[in-house]
Amino acid sequence: MKEGIPEPADGQERTLSSLTLTRNQADRMMGAPRGSPLGMKTRREITPVEAGGETPLTAFSPAVSTRGTQRELQVRILLLGVGMQGAAALYDLARSEDVEEVVAADLDIDRARASLLFKPYRAKVRFERLDAEHGESIDRLMGLRPDAAIDLLPVAFHDAVTSSAIRNHIHIVNASYPSMKITAMSDEAEAQGVTVLPEFGMDPGIDLVLMGEAARSLDTVEEITTYGAGFPEREAADNPLKYKVTWNLAGVLESYHRPARIIRNGAVVDIAADEVFSPENIHEIDIEGVGRLEAFPNGDAAKYADLLGISRPELRNTGRYVLRWPGHCAQWKTLADLGLLDDEPLSVDGVSVNRRHYLAKLLEPRIQYAPGERDVVVVRIEAAGVRAESKTKVVHQVIDLRDLETGITAMGRTVGFTASIGAQMIASGRIAKRGVISPLGDVPYEAFTRELGKRGIGIESDLTTGN
């Protein structure tokens, strides 16, 4: 029972406008277990005590759509973080016919409001302040009882946000690799009837969905390689780095200084953080319509092969790679050798300085996109093996460009839109598995790629069979 309002018992009816559902029907439509707090919600005021002394919030209201001949339940989404990728997610949520209401929360509410590009849908979006440094601020927003939440805050806040979501029985999506703490929350999330979907952006995200599909299309996987990248169009690659930012540069530099693991000729190869840009770890690839690019290792590829259940004796080669214009790796190899990417802080006049943060602050203002410039996103999966006793190669590929009409970058489209799709699929019951799940096998491939297609993000696939 909540706020003195008795919950309907199993089999009793609950009426919302002209839509009448049993309690169990309502819960199933929301993708929640029978009798879960994630069932239908009523509008209620959250008291100042619950809100940590802040302004009382009004919870999401029940929503009914009258599209078509049948009434359909729409969903309510909480968006945490309205930065570069969050603004894209907000745009997608605001335009979605399946979303009735959005609460967008950020520390900077004025910036968040300014990011709402699709003005005809302003009425379905409201903004709240979020100070993610304080857990009560997160809990306050989870207390709104959305059908799902999207966490596009900095990675440092993901553990606290996920924990709050599970405690409050709210499904949660983010676009980052899961920490050990989040992975360990799976049993609790499942017991609470909550879905936690991390790694659901571009890379990781789209790449993992395509990787899982490629692996499942083969009886035996002998090679599987993934590429994920965001970089300026050739005409916009006009600085010495041939690179511009569509994400927080400090985060990019973190990824430039982490170890990697690949499988080469059947043997596991560990690559130290300061060796990812070494020539022996770099190769080039031609992408039709884009050009020749260089690739460097990106984290632990062997882990994903194991998660897919790919047999090691048969698997000869696997790797995850980032793509950049040629010459990028040599430049960053020099900077890495000079110690500018090292973890150890540097003392400058008695002040401790994080080297990567300093470098990001120095470079980021100088490598921004101009209004008419476009970024390119490439996601490519190459798999080879045996299918029906024949040698087979499978390729899935996404190429996306910045939308100059809206200004949304390709990175924003493939990260923010993807996170939005994930939240909507969970809230509507199209993703029903509970606990901490993975894009590798727990996201329906056809349904997901269909949603990408609706947003103009196409996937090219090719399967070639030979003896």
Protein backbone atom coordinates (compact mmCIF):
# COMPACT_ATOMS: atom_id res chain seq x y z
CA MET A 1 0.00 0.00 0.00
CA LYS A 2 1.29 3.47 -0.89
CA GLU A 3 0.17 6.85 0.49
CA GLY A 4 -2.93 5.23 2.00
CA ILE A 5 -4.24 4.05 -1.37
CA PRO A 6 -4.92 0.30 -1.30
CA GLU A 7 -3.48 -1.69 -4.20
CA PRO A 8 -6.02 -3.84 -6.09
CA ALA A 9 -5.79 -7.51 -5.22
CA ASP A 10 -5.00 -10.04 -7.94
CA GLY A 11 -7.99 -10.25 -10.30
CA GLN A 12 -9.54 -6.95 -9.16
CA GLU A 13 -10.07 -4.29 -11.78
CA ARG A 14 -8.43 -0.90 -11.97
CA THR A 15 -9.78 1.81 -14.23
CA LEU A 16 -7.73 4.51 -15.97
CA SER A 17 -9.83 6.86 -18.07
CA SER A 18 -11.81 4.51 -20.34
CA LEU A 19 -9.23 1.70 -20.20
CA THR A 20 -10.10 -1.06 -17.73
CA LEU A 21 -7.45 -3.61 -16.77
CA THR A 22 -7.05 -6.23 -14.11
CA ARG A 23 -4.10 -5.73 -11.81
CA ASN A 24 -2.24 -8.62 -13.43
CA GLN A 25 -2.94 -7.33 -16.94
CA ALA A 26 -1.63 -3.90 -16.01
CA ASP A 27 1.53 -5.38 -14.53
CA ARG A 28 2.17 -7.55 -17.58
CA MET A 29 1.72 -4.59 -19.95
CA MET A 30 4.32 -2.70 -17.95
CA GLY A 31 6.72 -5.64 -18.13
CA ALA A 32 6.62 -6.04 -14.34
CA PRO A 33 6.14 -9.21 -12.31
CA ARG A 34 2.66 -9.85 -10.95
CA GLY A 35 1.83 -7.56 -8.04
CA SER A 36 4.98 -5.44 -8.60
CA PRO A 37 5.16 -1.73 -7.72
CA LEU A 38 6.01 -1.27 -11.40
CA GLY A 39 2.36 -1.78 -12.27
CA MET A 40 0.00 1.10 -12.95
CA LYS A 41 0.77 4.24 -11.01
CA THR A 42 -1.32 7.07 -9.65
CA ARG A 43 -0.29 10.70 -9.54
CA ARG A 44 0.87 11.64 -6.10
CA GLU A 45 2.81 14.40 -4.40
CA ILE A 46 6.22 13.53 -2.98
CA THR A 47 6.69 15.32 0.29
CA PRO A 48 9.60 17.64 1.08
CA VAL A 49 10.86 15.03 3.55
CA GLU A 50 11.03 12.37 0.81
CA ALA A 51 12.63 14.90 -1.53
CA GLY A 52 15.42 15.73 0.86
CA GLY A 53 13.98 19.17 1.56
CA GLU A 54 13.70 20.16 -2.11
CA THR A 55 10.58 21.28 -3.96
CA PRO A 56 7.90 18.56 -3.97
CA LEU A 57 7.64 16.61 -7.22
CA THR A 58 4.53 15.39 -9.01
CA ALA A 59 4.76 11.75 -9.98
CA PHE A 60 4.13 10.51 -13.50
CA SER A 61 0.45 10.24 -14.34
CA PRO A 62 -1.20 7.20 -15.98
CA ALA A 63 -1.28 7.55 -19.74
CA VAL A 64 -3.59 6.17 -22.39
CA SER A 65 -3.10 6.51 -26.13
CA THR A 66 -5.98 6.65 -28.58
CA ARG A 67 -3.91 5.85 -31.66
CA GLY A 68 -5.67 3.52 -34.10
CA THR A 69 -8.74 1.51 -33.20
CA GLN A 70 -7.37 0.06 -29.97
CA ARG A 71 -6.21 1.96 -26.93
CA GLU A 72 -2.57 1.37 -26.05
CA LEU A 73 -0.76 2.07 -22.83
CA GLN A 74 2.04 4.58 -23.33
CA VAL A 75 5.20 4.78 -21.26
CA ARG A 76 6.80 7.35 -19.00
CA ILE A 77 10.59 7.75 -19.05
CA LEU A 78 13.04 9.42 -16.66
CA LEU A 79 16.20 10.74 -18.37
CA LEU A 80 19.18 11.43 -16.13
CA GLY A 81 21.81 13.61 -17.79
CA VAL A 82 21.10 15.97 -20.68
CA GLY A 83 24.57 16.46 -22.10
CA MET A 84 25.69 15.74 -25.67
CA GLN A 85 24.19 12.24 -25.81
CA GLY A 86 21.37 12.99 -23.37
CA ALA A 87 20.09 15.78 -25.61
CA ALA A 88 19.81 13.29 -28.47
CA ALA A 89 17.96 10.82 -26.24
CA LEU A 90 15.58 13.59 -25.17
CA TYR A 91 14.88 14.50 -28.79
CA ASP A 92 14.03 10.88 -29.57
CA LEU A 93 11.83 10.42 -26.51
CA ALA A 94 9.96 13.66 -27.17
CA ARG A 95 9.16 12.62 -30.73
CA SER A 96 8.14 9.05 -29.90
CA GLU A 97 4.43 8.27 -30.16
CA ASP A 98 4.98 5.52 -27.62
CA VAL A 99 6.14 7.93 -24.91
CA GLU A 100 3.52 9.89 -23.01
CA GLU A 101 5.73 11.84 -20.63
CA VAL A 102 9.44 12.50 -20.05
CA VAL A 103 11.18 13.96 -17.04
CA ALA A 104 14.66 15.19 -18.00
CA ALA A 105 16.99 15.81 -15.06
CA ASP A 106 20.31 17.58 -15.02
CA LEU A 107 22.40 19.77 -12.73
CA ASP A 108 22.06 22.59 -15.27
CA ILE A 109 18.32 22.88 -15.92
CA ASP A 110 18.67 25.88 -18.24
CA ARG A 111 21.04 23.95 -20.51
CA ALA A 112 18.71 20.96 -20.40
CA ARG A 113 15.71 23.08 -21.44
CA ALA A 114 17.70 24.64 -24.27
CA SER A 115 18.57 21.18 -25.59
CA LEU A 116 14.95 20.29 -26.41
CA LEU A 117 15.07 20.71 -30.17
CA PHE A 118 11.66 19.33 -31.06
CA LYS A 119 9.56 22.21 -29.75
CA PRO A 120 6.09 20.90 -30.74
CA TYR A 121 6.55 18.23 -28.07
CA ARG A 122 7.60 20.52 -25.21
CA ALA A 123 4.29 19.78 -23.45
CA LYS A 124 5.26 16.15 -22.82
CA VAL A 125 8.64 17.04 -21.26
CA ARG A 126 9.33 18.55 -17.89
CA PHE A 127 12.68 19.34 -16.31
CA GLU A 128 13.99 18.70 -12.82
CA ARG A 129 17.26 19.48 -11.10
CA LEU A 130 19.57 16.56 -10.33
CA ASP A 131 22.68 16.74 -8.17
CA ALA A 132 24.06 13.25 -8.70
CA GLU A 133 26.71 13.81 -6.03
CA HIS A 134 23.91 13.29 -3.49
CA GLY A 135 22.08 9.97 -3.39
CA GLU A 136 18.88 11.55 -2.06
CA SER A 137 18.64 13.62 -5.25
CA ILE A 138 18.73 10.43 -7.32
CA ASP A 139 16.21 8.67 -5.07
CA ARG A 140 13.93 11.71 -5.25
CA LEU A 141 13.66 11.33 -9.03
CA MET A 142 13.32 7.55 -8.95
CA GLY A 143 10.42 8.17 -6.58
CA LEU A 144 8.50 9.63 -9.53
CA ARG A 145 7.82 6.00 -10.51
CA PRO A 146 8.69 6.09 -14.23
CA ASP A 147 8.27 2.97 -16.34
CA ALA A 148 12.00 3.07 -17.14
CA ALA A 149 14.97 5.37 -16.67
CA ILE A 150 17.97 6.23 -18.84
CA ASP A 151 21.28 7.04 -17.16
CA LEU A 152 23.50 9.18 -19.39
CA LEU A 153 25.38 10.78 -16.51
CA PRO A 154 29.17 10.43 -16.22
CA VAL A 155 30.30 6.86 -15.52
CA ALA A 156 31.25 7.70 -11.93
CA PHE A 157 27.54 7.95 -11.03
CA HIS A 158 26.34 4.72 -12.66
CA ASP A 159 26.73 2.49 -9.59
CA ALA A 160 24.66 4.81 -7.39
CA VAL A 161 22.00 5.35 -10.05
CA THR A 162 21.65 1.62 -10.74
CA SER A 163 21.40 0.82 -7.05
CA SER A 164 18.69 3.45 -6.59
CA ALA A 165 16.79 2.16 -9.61
CA ILE A 166 16.74 -1.37 -8.24
CA ARG A 167 15.64 -0.22 -4.77
CA ASN A 168 12.81 1.75 -6.34
CA HIS A 169 11.79 -1.02 -8.78
CA ILE A 170 12.69 1.04 -11.88
CA HIS A 171 14.15 -0.46 -15.06
CA ILE A 172 17.40 1.29 -16.03
CA VAL A 173 19.48 1.66 -19.22
CA ASN A 174 22.94 3.15 -19.64
CA ALA A 175 25.50 3.33 -22.45
CA SER A 176 28.64 2.31 -20.54
CA TYR A 177 30.50 -0.85 -19.63
CA PRO A 178 29.11 -2.29 -16.36
CA SER A 179 31.28 -2.05 -13.28
CA MET A 180 31.86 -5.10 -11.11
CA LYS A 181 29.37 -3.60 -8.64
CA ILE A 182 26.63 -3.37 -11.26
CA THR A 183 27.30 -6.89 -12.49
CA ALA A 184 27.00 -8.10 -8.89
CA MET A 185 23.55 -6.47 -8.62
CA SER A 186 22.00 -8.89 -11.11
CA ASP A 187 20.40 -11.26 -8.60
CA GLU A 188 18.94 -8.39 -6.59
CA ALA A 189 17.59 -6.74 -9.75
CA GLU A 190 15.98 -10.00 -10.88
CA ALA A 191 14.42 -10.54 -7.46
CA GLN A 192 12.98 -7.01 -7.60
CA GLY A 193 11.62 -7.55 -11.11
CA VAL A 194 13.99 -4.95 -12.57
CA THR A 195 15.84 -4.98 -15.87
CA VAL A 196 19.29 -3.36 -15.92
CA LEU A 197 20.59 -2.88 -19.47
CA PRO A 198 24.13 -1.45 -19.55
CA GLU A 199 26.33 -1.13 -22.67
CA PHE A 200 23.44 0.15 -24.76
CA GLY A 201 24.79 2.97 -26.84
CA MET A 202 26.88 2.77 -29.99
CA ASP A 203 30.10 1.07 -28.82
CA PRO A 204 29.29 -0.65 -26.60
CA GLY A 205 25.72 -1.18 -27.73
CA ILE A 206 24.85 -1.47 -31.40
CA ASP A 207 28.12 -3.33 -31.96
CA LEU A 208 27.23 -5.97 -29.35
CA VAL A 209 23.76 -6.58 -30.78
CA LEU A 210 25.30 -7.06 -34.23
CA MET A 211 28.11 -9.19 -32.83
CA GLY A 212 25.64 -11.54 -31.17
CA GLU A 213 23.61 -11.85 -34.36
CA ALA A 214 26.74 -12.56 -36.44
CA ALA A 215 27.90 -15.27 -34.02
CA ARG A 216 24.47 -16.94 -33.97
CA SER A 217 24.39 -17.08 -37.76
CA LEU A 218 27.39 -19.47 -37.77
CA ASP A 219 27.57 -23.03 -36.54
CA THR A 220 31.25 -22.59 -35.71
CA VAL A 221 32.90 -19.19 -35.20
CA GLU A 222 36.56 -19.07 -36.22
CA GLU A 223 37.03 -15.30 -36.39
CA ILE A 224 35.00 -12.35 -35.12
CA THR A 225 36.17 -8.74 -35.20
CA THR A 226 34.28 -5.59 -34.26
CA TYR A 227 34.96 -1.97 -35.14
CA GLY A 228 33.34 1.05 -33.52
CA ALA A 229 34.23 4.65 -34.26
CA GLY A 230 33.18 8.25 -34.32
CA PHE A 231 35.36 10.79 -36.12
CA PRO A 232 35.05 13.84 -38.38
CA GLU A 233 34.18 13.58 -42.03
CA ARG A 234 37.30 13.92 -44.15
CA GLU A 235 36.45 17.54 -45.01
CA ALA A 236 36.11 18.36 -41.30
CA ALA A 237 39.32 16.60 -40.23
CA ASP A 238 41.21 19.85 -40.55
CA ASN A 239 43.34 19.91 -37.39
CA PRO A 240 46.65 18.13 -36.69
CA LEU A 241 44.88 15.31 -34.81
CA LYS A 242 42.31 14.77 -37.60
CA TYR A 243 39.81 14.35 -34.80
CA LYS A 244 37.00 16.34 -33.16
CA VAL A 245 34.90 15.68 -30.08
CA THR A 246 31.34 14.43 -29.86
CA TRP A 247 31.88 13.17 -26.32
CA ASN A 248 33.69 14.32 -23.21
CA LEU A 249 37.35 14.33 -24.28
CA ALA A 250 38.54 13.25 -20.83
CA GLY A 251 36.52 10.07 -21.32
CA VAL A 252 38.05 9.54 -24.76
CA LEU A 253 41.53 9.86 -23.28
CA GLU A 254 40.64 7.33 -20.59
CA SER A 255 39.85 4.87 -23.36
CA TYR A 256 43.17 5.74 -25.04
CA HIS A 257 45.05 4.47 -22.00
CA ARG A 258 43.54 1.16 -21.01
CA PRO A 259 44.84 -2.36 -21.64
CA ALA A 260 43.36 -4.55 -24.33
CA ARG A 261 43.02 -8.27 -24.92
CA ILE A 262 42.67 -9.96 -28.28
CA ILE A 263 43.03 -13.48 -29.63
CA ARG A 264 45.55 -13.79 -32.44
CA ASN A 265 46.20 -17.10 -34.22
CA GLY A 266 44.49 -18.95 -31.39
CA ALA A 267 46.54 -17.38 -28.59
CA VAL A 268 45.37 -14.76 -26.09
CA VAL A 269 47.41 -11.57 -26.45
CA ASP A 270 47.40 -8.99 -23.65
CA ILE A 271 48.29 -5.46 -24.75
CA ALA A 272 49.49 -3.00 -22.13
CA ALA A 273 47.78 0.39 -21.87
CA ASP A 274 50.84 2.21 -23.19
CA GLU A 275 51.15 -0.14 -26.19
CA VAL A 276 47.70 0.13 -27.80
CA PHE A 277 49.09 2.65 -30.32
CA SER A 278 52.23 0.64 -31.11
CA PRO A 279 52.62 -0.21 -34.82
CA GLU A 280 52.43 -3.97 -34.22
CA ASN A 281 48.93 -3.53 -32.76
CA ILE A 282 47.59 -1.30 -35.55
CA HIS A 283 46.07 -2.34 -38.86
CA GLU A 284 44.24 -0.55 -41.66
CA ILE A 285 40.84 -1.23 -43.20
CA ASP A 286 38.97 0.20 -46.17
CA ILE A 287 35.37 1.20 -45.51
CA GLU A 288 33.41 1.76 -48.70
CA GLY A 289 32.00 5.26 -48.81
CA VAL A 290 34.33 6.48 -46.08
CA GLY A 291 37.90 5.61 -47.03
CA ARG A 292 40.99 3.98 -45.58
CA LEU A 293 41.15 4.04 -41.79
CA GLU A 294 43.50 2.74 -39.13
CA ALA A 295 42.35 0.56 -36.24
CA PHE A 296 43.73 0.19 -32.70
CA PRO A 297 42.66 -2.21 -29.92
CA ASN A 298 39.70 -1.33 -27.73
CA GLY A 299 39.44 -3.24 -24.44
CA ASP A 300 38.85 -6.93 -23.82
CA ALA A 301 37.53 -8.71 -26.91
CA ALA A 302 38.03 -12.21 -25.51
CA LYS A 303 35.47 -11.50 -22.77
CA TYR A 304 32.68 -11.01 -25.30
CA ALA A 305 33.60 -14.17 -27.18
CA ASP A 306 33.31 -16.05 -23.88
CA LEU A 307 29.95 -14.42 -23.09
CA LEU A 308 28.67 -15.61 -26.47
CA GLY A 309 29.84 -19.14 -25.68
CA ILE A 310 32.23 -19.25 -28.63
CA SER A 311 34.50 -22.26 -28.31
CA ARG A 312 38.15 -21.27 -27.82
CA PRO A 313 39.71 -24.19 -29.74
CA GLU A 314 37.88 -23.14 -32.91
CA LEU A 315 38.24 -19.38 -32.39
CA ARG A 316 41.43 -18.26 -34.12
CA ASN A 317 41.12 -14.47 -34.09
CA THR A 318 39.02 -11.89 -32.29
CA GLY A 319 39.46 -8.21 -31.48
CA ARG A 320 37.57 -5.01 -30.75
CA TYR A 321 38.97 -1.93 -32.50
CA VAL A 322 38.53 1.84 -32.73
CA LEU A 323 38.82 3.49 -36.15
CA ARG A 324 40.54 6.81 -36.92
CA TRP A 325 42.01 8.58 -39.93
CA PRO A 326 45.59 7.38 -40.74
CA GLY A 327 48.26 9.10 -38.68
CA HIS A 328 46.13 9.44 -35.53
CA CYS A 329 47.77 6.50 -33.78
CA ALA A 330 51.32 7.68 -34.42
CA GLN A 331 50.49 11.08 -32.91
CA TRP A 332 48.93 9.56 -29.81
CA LYS A 333 51.75 7.05 -29.48
CA THR A 334 54.11 10.03 -29.17
CA LEU A 335 51.94 11.69 -26.52
CA ALA A 336 51.62 8.39 -24.62
CA ASP A 337 55.40 7.89 -24.72
CA LEU A 338 55.83 11.41 -23.29
CA GLY A 339 53.68 10.42 -20.31
CA LEU A 340 50.73 12.69 -21.05
CA LEU A 341 48.24 9.81 -20.72
CA ASP A 342 49.70 8.29 -17.54
CA ASP A 343 47.54 7.64 -14.50
CA GLU A 344 49.97 9.16 -11.99
CA PRO A 345 49.10 12.80 -11.15
CA LEU A 346 51.68 15.46 -11.90
CA SER A 347 52.63 18.05 -9.27
CA VAL A 348 52.76 21.57 -10.75
CA ASP A 349 53.75 24.32 -8.31
CA GLY A 350 52.44 22.20 -5.48
CA VAL A 351 49.15 21.46 -7.22
CA SER A 352 48.26 17.87 -8.16
CA VAL A 353 47.22 17.72 -11.82
CA ASN A 354 45.55 14.81 -13.61
CA ARG A 355 47.47 14.60 -16.87
CA ARG A 356 44.58 13.44 -19.03
CA HIS A 357 42.20 16.01 -17.56
CA TYR A 358 44.75 18.75 -18.23
CA LEU A 359 45.17 17.57 -21.81
CA ALA A 360 41.42 17.39 -22.31
CA LYS A 361 40.92 20.93 -20.98
CA LEU A 362 43.67 22.18 -23.29
CA LEU A 363 42.51 20.43 -26.45
CA GLU A 364 38.72 20.22 -26.21
CA PRO A 365 37.96 23.88 -27.08
CA ARG A 366 40.23 23.58 -30.13
CA ILE A 367 38.68 20.47 -31.66
CA GLN A 368 34.97 21.28 -31.75
CA TYR A 369 32.69 20.77 -34.74
CA ALA A 370 31.52 23.84 -36.63
CA PRO A 371 27.74 24.05 -37.29
CA GLY A 372 28.03 22.79 -40.88
CA GLU A 373 30.52 20.01 -40.19
CA ARG A 374 29.57 16.36 -39.84
CA ASP A 375 30.90 13.48 -37.82
CA VAL A 376 30.84 9.89 -39.05
CA VAL A 377 29.97 6.82 -37.01
CA VAL A 378 31.07 3.42 -38.25
CA VAL A 379 30.10 0.14 -36.61
CA ARG A 380 31.30 -2.96 -38.42
CA ILE A 381 31.23 -6.63 -37.45
CA GLU A 382 33.16 -9.25 -39.42
CA ALA A 383 32.69 -12.93 -38.55
CA ALA A 384 33.93 -16.03 -40.32
CA GLY A 385 33.43 -19.71 -39.70
CA VAL A 386 31.29 -22.64 -40.77
CA ARG A 387 27.60 -22.65 -41.58
CA ALA A 388 25.85 -25.77 -42.85
CA GLU A 389 29.28 -27.36 -43.44
CA SER A 390 30.41 -24.49 -45.70
CA LYS A 391 32.94 -21.73 -45.04
CA THR A 392 30.93 -18.56 -44.42
CA LYS A 393 31.68 -14.88 -43.83
CA VAL A 394 29.16 -12.53 -42.22
CA VAL A 395 29.40 -8.73 -42.22
CA HIS A 396 27.07 -6.26 -40.49
CA GLN A 397 27.77 -2.56 -40.86
CA VAL A 398 26.30 0.79 -39.81
CA ILE A 399 27.45 4.12 -41.22
CA ASP A 400 25.74 7.22 -39.90
CA LEU A 401 26.31 10.98 -40.34
CA ARG A 402 25.41 14.06 -38.38
CA ASP A 403 21.94 15.41 -39.11
CA LEU A 404 22.65 19.01 -40.07
CA GLU A 405 18.96 19.95 -39.89
CA THR A 406 18.74 19.17 -36.17
CA GLY A 407 22.44 19.48 -35.44
CA ILE A 408 22.43 16.08 -33.71
CA THR A 409 25.71 14.32 -34.28
CA ALA A 410 26.01 10.78 -35.58
CA MET A 411 27.42 9.90 -32.17
CA GLY A 412 24.36 11.40 -30.50
CA ARG A 413 22.04 9.53 -32.84
CA THR A 414 23.71 6.15 -32.33
CA VAL A 415 24.17 6.54 -28.55
CA GLY A 416 21.21 8.66 -27.45
CA PHE A 417 18.66 7.15 -29.82
CA THR A 418 19.84 3.64 -28.92
CA ALA A 419 19.46 4.26 -25.18
CA SER A 420 15.99 5.70 -25.83
CA ILE A 421 15.00 2.63 -27.85
CA GLY A 422 16.24 0.34 -25.08
CA ALA A 423 14.22 2.11 -22.39
CA GLN A 424 11.08 2.07 -24.54
CA MET A 425 11.49 -1.62 -25.40
CA ILE A 426 11.85 -2.55 -21.72
CA ALA A 427 8.98 -0.31 -20.56
CA SER A 428 6.66 -1.74 -23.22
CA GLY A 429 7.56 -5.36 -22.47
CA ARG A 430 9.43 -6.06 -25.72
CA ILE A 431 12.49 -6.79 -23.56
CA ALA A 432 11.19 -8.92 -20.70
CA LYS A 433 14.26 -10.52 -19.11
CA ARG A 434 15.08 -9.28 -15.61
CA GLY A 435 18.41 -8.79 -13.86
CA VAL A 436 21.54 -7.33 -15.46
CA ILE A 437 21.20 -8.25 -19.13
CA SER A 438 23.42 -7.90 -22.19
CA PRO A 439 22.92 -6.54 -25.72
CA LEU A 440 24.77 -9.63 -26.95
CA GLY A 441 21.75 -11.87 -26.62
CA ASP A 442 18.98 -10.28 -24.60
CA VAL A 443 17.84 -7.59 -27.06
CA PRO A 444 15.60 -8.89 -29.89
CA TYR A 445 17.61 -8.29 -33.05
CA GLU A 446 14.78 -7.74 -35.54
CA ALA A 447 12.78 -5.47 -33.24
CA PHE A 448 15.83 -3.39 -32.35
CA THR A 449 17.12 -2.96 -35.90
CA ARG A 450 13.60 -2.07 -37.02
CA GLU A 451 13.57 0.74 -34.47
CA LEU A 452 16.95 1.97 -35.69
CA GLY A 453 15.60 1.96 -39.24
CA LYS A 454 12.67 4.15 -38.23
CA ARG A 455 15.25 6.73 -37.17
CA GLY A 456 17.20 6.53 -40.41
CA ILE A 457 20.01 4.41 -38.98
CA GLY A 458 20.41 1.56 -41.46
CA ILE A 459 22.28 -1.72 -41.19
CA GLU A 460 23.92 -3.32 -44.18
CA SER A 461 24.37 -7.08 -43.90
CA ASP A 462 26.10 -9.58 -46.11
CA LEU A 463 26.51 -13.34 -45.81
CA THR A 464 28.89 -15.05 -48.22
CA THR A 465 29.23 -18.81 -48.41
CA GLY A 466 31.96 -20.73 -50.21
CA ASN A 467 33.80 -24.04 -50.00
